[in-house]
Amino acid sequence: MLGFTNSDVDAVIGGVTYLASSGFTATDVANNNDLSISNTENHGFLRSPAITESDLDAGLWDRAYIEIFDAAEPDDSPSMGTLSVKTGWLGQVTLGRGTFIAEMHGKESAYAITVLFLYTPMCRHKLGDAGCRVDIATGSTQDSPSTPFTRTGTLTGVGADGLTLLDSSLMIGEGPKAIITSITNANPGIVTMAAIVPFANGDAIVVGGAGAFSGPWIIKSLAGSTVSYTWSLDTDTTDTALYPPYVSGGKVYFLDGTSTYAGGEITMTSGPNVGRSMEIKDSQLGMLTLQLPFGRLCTVGDTYTLTVGCDKTRPTCRNTFGNVRNFGGFPDVPGRDKVILVGRPQ
């Protein structure tokens, strides 16, 4: 907890030292009896070592709780106590050259939040939440077990703008799509996958974590059901010296240029932004592009966790996540144009 005062000397109240060197000036405080929102602004200088510009940029003080109160001067009797003026949360902060303007949102702002569900063509759920019910850690859904919809990695490069993050192990369109349960040593070799996946004959894919079978392939002779799919490697794999028997750990990835993590989320697990998350704008070969930079510049060697993106459409919910029964959109509900459409003879 940090304390600041607009007095000319520090004050100790309740064991907390309120610093006079913060140099801030508050606007008038107004409270209404009709529950309308009342906000307050504080203008000041970034002089406290406890609150830095980089911390504000990183969001470490987002929604910080604030209490404004009047107190007697330090020379007066401390038994006079304090008089609460306003409580609330830190809102938007505007930074200048060593200065700041901080909004304080009163508790009435909670009543400005609209709590309801909207009928929209797109899904209203966030991937993995209570409404979606997809377990992004295991990839399991009510319709089908699948592969985890997350991956971990380590940054091998960072763009100067903070928007571009590099990881040489990241493949084009990567995103776990299916776990390989078996690969036969036969002519041709047959791959069995345990998942509902939107593959089709002729798709370019990558097999990873499967030893000698790893690498780019083309889906051929695809067959299967809602439980598993099989496809042919179209290659003679009977020579176990060249193709040692498959054990486990293999996965099938797309290699079609799609941006699987677009709309997903990256969470840093080490480095200056540890614990912070950011939405991903695009993902390509060895590169992630963020919607906004982190508050602090990431560094090479920082570790992260990625969550795949969801475009919130019904085909994606059905084909990629096998979760159409929990789809939260209403693409079949007629829109406003249909409602006001004037009848015409056919």
Foldseek 3Di string as FASTA:
>chain_A
DAAADCDCQWAAAPNHIHHNPFAKDKDDFDDDPPLDKTKIKIKTFQPDPVDDPLCVLQVVQFFPKDWDWDADDRVDDRVVDIGTDFIATWDDWDDDDRMIMIMGIGPSVVVVDDDDDDAAQFFPDDPPDPLQQQPQQQLDAPQFGFHHQKDKFFFADADPQQFKTFGQVDAAQWTFQWWWPFWDQAQWIKTKTFAQAPDDFQFWKFKPPFPLVTGIATFAPWDDDHGMIMGTRNDRRNPCVNPPGTDGDMTMGGRDRAFFAAQKKKAWCDDPSHRDMFHWHGDHNRMTGTPHGRSDRGDGGTMIMIGTHDPRHQVCCCRRSVRNVSRRHDSPDDDPCVVPPDDDDD
